[in-house]
Amino acid sequence: MKKNLSKLRSHKGESFVEILIAILIVAFGCLLLASMFSASFDLNTSAQQKDKEFYQSISDMESESNLVDDDFQVTITETDGNGTTSGASVNVNTNKYGDENGLTSYRKN
């Protein structure tokens, strides 16, 4: 506490080297922050492009030209946490789509 009070009463200033080091540290921190924002922007742009391509490929696959079976029935069965069937199930009429790569999609009628 006495040290802080004596520093406040002192007429000595900070040295030029201390000021330059402080400016260098602040500049380095700003540079790191700017590079983080840049990397984040690049990753976000890349992810958005990949999402767009993914949804476009799904839409292309689910076009009528890729319709494999327009009267396809899917059965959904409820199971408990152990994988045992509880007896409740429902049949859903769907359209089945596929492509030459073996990718298959179902859409409810």
C-alpha atoms as a PDB file:
ATOM      1  CA  MET A   1       0.000   0.000   0.000  1.00  0.00           C
ATOM      2  CA  LYS A   2       2.834   2.388   0.911  1.00  0.00           C
ATOM      3  CA  LYS A   3       4.522   1.502  -2.374  1.00  0.00           C
ATOM      4  CA  ASN A   4       1.438   2.532  -4.347  1.00  0.00           C
ATOM      5  CA  LEU A   5       1.137   5.822  -2.443  1.00  0.00           C
ATOM      6  CA  SER A   6       4.789   6.624  -2.974  1.00  0.00           C
ATOM      7  CA  LYS A   7       4.391   5.875  -6.673  1.00  0.00           C
ATOM      8  CA  LEU A   8       1.443   8.278  -6.886  1.00  0.00           C
ATOM      9  CA  ARG A   9       3.448  11.051  -5.194  1.00  0.00           C
ATOM     10  CA  SER A  10       6.496  10.428  -7.360  1.00  0.00           C
ATOM     11  CA  HIS A  11       7.208  12.791 -10.265  1.00  0.00           C
ATOM     12  CA  LYS A  12       9.030  10.085 -12.205  1.00  0.00           C
ATOM     13  CA  GLY A  13       7.360   8.979 -15.414  1.00  0.00           C
ATOM     14  CA  GLU A  14       7.375   5.781 -17.407  1.00  0.00           C
ATOM     15  CA  SER A  15      10.436   5.195 -19.555  1.00  0.00           C
ATOM     16  CA  PHE A  16      10.282   5.314 -23.338  1.00  0.00           C
ATOM     17  CA  VAL A  17      11.164   1.600 -23.551  1.00  0.00           C
ATOM     18  CA  GLU A  18       8.273   0.655 -21.245  1.00  0.00           C
ATOM     19  CA  ILE A  19       5.850   2.612 -23.402  1.00  0.00           C
ATOM     20  CA  LEU A  20       7.153   0.966 -26.581  1.00  0.00           C
ATOM     21  CA  ILE A  21       6.843  -2.492 -25.036  1.00  0.00           C
ATOM     22  CA  ALA A  22       3.261  -1.736 -23.940  1.00  0.00           C
ATOM     23  CA  ILE A  23       2.396  -0.528 -27.458  1.00  0.00           C
ATOM     24  CA  LEU A  24       4.000  -3.651 -28.930  1.00  0.00           C
ATOM     25  CA  ILE A  25       1.976  -5.924 -26.645  1.00  0.00           C
ATOM     26  CA  VAL A  26      -1.276  -4.148 -27.531  1.00  0.00           C
ATOM     27  CA  ALA A  27      -0.453  -4.270 -31.270  1.00  0.00           C
ATOM     28  CA  PHE A  28       0.352  -7.978 -31.041  1.00  0.00           C
ATOM     29  CA  GLY A  29      -2.950  -8.632 -29.253  1.00  0.00           C
ATOM     30  CA  CYS A  30      -4.868  -6.693 -31.916  1.00  0.00           C
ATOM     31  CA  LEU A  31      -3.077  -8.642 -34.649  1.00  0.00           C
ATOM     32  CA  LEU A  32      -4.031 -11.954 -33.033  1.00  0.00           C
ATOM     33  CA  LEU A  33      -7.636 -10.830 -32.656  1.00  0.00           C
ATOM     34  CA  ALA A  34      -7.805  -9.749 -36.303  1.00  0.00           C
ATOM     35  CA  SER A  35      -6.371 -13.080 -37.469  1.00  0.00           C
ATOM     36  CA  MET A  36      -8.928 -14.955 -35.358  1.00  0.00           C
ATOM     37  CA  PHE A  37     -11.760 -12.991 -36.965  1.00  0.00           C
ATOM     38  CA  SER A  38     -10.336 -13.661 -40.417  1.00  0.00           C
ATOM     39  CA  ALA A  39     -10.011 -17.411 -39.787  1.00  0.00           C
ATOM     40  CA  SER A  40     -13.516 -17.524 -38.338  1.00  0.00           C
ATOM     41  CA  PHE A  41     -14.941 -15.747 -41.377  1.00  0.00           C
ATOM     42  CA  ASP A  42     -13.158 -18.162 -43.746  1.00  0.00           C
ATOM     43  CA  LEU A  43     -14.427 -21.217 -41.838  1.00  0.00           C
ATOM     44  CA  ASN A  44     -17.960 -19.854 -41.756  1.00  0.00           C
ATOM     45  CA  THR A  45     -17.931 -19.134 -45.495  1.00  0.00           C
ATOM     46  CA  SER A  46     -16.596 -22.620 -46.228  1.00  0.00           C
ATOM     47  CA  ALA A  47     -19.249 -24.260 -44.023  1.00  0.00           C
ATOM     48  CA  GLN A  48     -22.042 -22.276 -45.675  1.00  0.00           C
ATOM     49  CA  GLN A  49     -20.813 -23.331 -49.132  1.00  0.00           C
ATOM     50  CA  LYS A  50     -20.657 -26.994 -48.092  1.00  0.00           C
ATOM     51  CA  ASP A  51     -24.181 -26.779 -46.613  1.00  0.00           C
ATOM     52  CA  LYS A  52     -25.458 -25.226 -49.823  1.00  0.00           C
ATOM     53  CA  GLU A  53     -23.860 -27.991 -51.910  1.00  0.00           C
ATOM     54  CA  PHE A  54     -25.231 -30.688 -49.577  1.00  0.00           C
ATOM     55  CA  TYR A  55     -28.813 -29.405 -49.711  1.00  0.00           C
ATOM     56  CA  GLN A  56     -28.573 -28.936 -53.479  1.00  0.00           C
ATOM     57  CA  SER A  57     -27.421 -32.539 -53.908  1.00  0.00           C
ATOM     58  CA  ILE A  58     -30.267 -33.790 -51.687  1.00  0.00           C
ATOM     59  CA  SER A  59     -32.749 -31.718 -53.701  1.00  0.00           C
ATOM     60  CA  ASP A  60     -31.314 -33.050 -56.966  1.00  0.00           C
ATOM     61  CA  MET A  61     -31.514 -36.608 -55.672  1.00  0.00           C
ATOM     62  CA  GLU A  62     -35.121 -36.158 -54.568  1.00  0.00           C
ATOM     63  CA  SER A  63     -36.191 -34.924 -57.982  1.00  0.00           C
ATOM     64  CA  GLU A  64     -38.823 -36.953 -59.799  1.00  0.00           C
ATOM     65  CA  SER A  65     -36.189 -38.382 -62.187  1.00  0.00           C
ATOM     66  CA  ASN A  66     -34.624 -40.270 -59.262  1.00  0.00           C
ATOM     67  CA  LEU A  67     -37.902 -41.686 -57.970  1.00  0.00           C
ATOM     68  CA  VAL A  68     -37.312 -45.393 -57.321  1.00  0.00           C
ATOM     69  CA  ASP A  69     -40.670 -46.340 -55.798  1.00  0.00           C
ATOM     70  CA  ASP A  70     -43.632 -44.003 -55.331  1.00  0.00           C
ATOM     71  CA  ASP A  71     -45.605 -46.477 -53.200  1.00  0.00           C
ATOM     72  CA  PHE A  72     -43.103 -47.468 -50.544  1.00  0.00           C
ATOM     73  CA  GLN A  73     -44.090 -48.154 -46.959  1.00  0.00           C
ATOM     74  CA  VAL A  74     -41.820 -47.542 -43.962  1.00  0.00           C
ATOM     75  CA  THR A  75     -42.645 -49.065 -40.569  1.00  0.00           C
ATOM     76  CA  ILE A  76     -41.568 -47.114 -37.495  1.00  0.00           C
ATOM     77  CA  THR A  77     -41.440 -49.188 -34.317  1.00  0.00           C
ATOM     78  CA  GLU A  78     -41.011 -47.842 -30.798  1.00  0.00           C
ATOM     79  CA  THR A  79     -38.343 -49.500 -28.673  1.00  0.00           C
ATOM     80  CA  ASP A  80     -37.184 -48.973 -25.122  1.00  0.00           C
ATOM     81  CA  GLY A  81     -33.624 -48.114 -24.062  1.00  0.00           C
ATOM     82  CA  ASN A  82     -32.548 -51.781 -24.231  1.00  0.00           C
ATOM     83  CA  GLY A  83     -33.680 -52.203 -27.841  1.00  0.00           C
ATOM     84  CA  THR A  84     -36.749 -54.249 -26.901  1.00  0.00           C
ATOM     85  CA  THR A  85     -39.831 -53.556 -29.003  1.00  0.00           C
ATOM     86  CA  SER A  86     -42.683 -52.162 -26.955  1.00  0.00           C
ATOM     87  CA  GLY A  87     -45.302 -53.111 -29.534  1.00  0.00           C
ATOM     88  CA  ALA A  88     -46.205 -49.628 -30.774  1.00  0.00           C
ATOM     89  CA  SER A  89     -45.523 -49.172 -34.497  1.00  0.00           C
ATOM     90  CA  VAL A  90     -46.839 -47.097 -37.369  1.00  0.00           C
ATOM     91  CA  ASN A  91     -46.704 -47.533 -41.149  1.00  0.00           C
ATOM     92  CA  VAL A  92     -45.911 -44.452 -43.227  1.00  0.00           C
ATOM     93  CA  ASN A  93     -46.460 -44.255 -46.981  1.00  0.00           C
ATOM     94  CA  THR A  94     -43.404 -42.695 -48.577  1.00  0.00           C
ATOM     95  CA  ASN A  95     -41.655 -42.032 -51.838  1.00  0.00           C
ATOM     96  CA  LYS A  96     -38.241 -43.619 -52.174  1.00  0.00           C
ATOM     97  CA  TYR A  97     -35.491 -41.776 -54.058  1.00  0.00           C
ATOM     98  CA  GLY A  98     -32.043 -42.994 -54.957  1.00  0.00           C
ATOM     99  CA  ASP A  99     -29.058 -42.341 -57.152  1.00  0.00           C
ATOM    100  CA  GLU A 100     -26.302 -44.336 -58.829  1.00  0.00           C
ATOM    101  CA  ASN A 101     -24.064 -43.971 -55.756  1.00  0.00           C
ATOM    102  CA  GLY A 102     -26.436 -45.940 -53.548  1.00  0.00           C
ATOM    103  CA  LEU A 103     -27.672 -42.860 -51.664  1.00  0.00           C
ATOM    104  CA  THR A 104     -31.318 -43.344 -50.661  1.00  0.00           C
ATOM    105  CA  SER A 105     -33.844 -40.876 -49.286  1.00  0.00           C
ATOM    106  CA  TYR A 106     -37.457 -41.207 -48.213  1.00  0.00           C
ATOM    107  CA  ARG A 107     -40.110 -38.513 -48.296  1.00  0.00           C
ATOM    108  CA  LYS A 108     -43.619 -38.877 -46.886  1.00  0.00           C
ATOM    109  CA  ASN A 109     -46.422 -38.962 -49.494  1.00  0.00           C
END
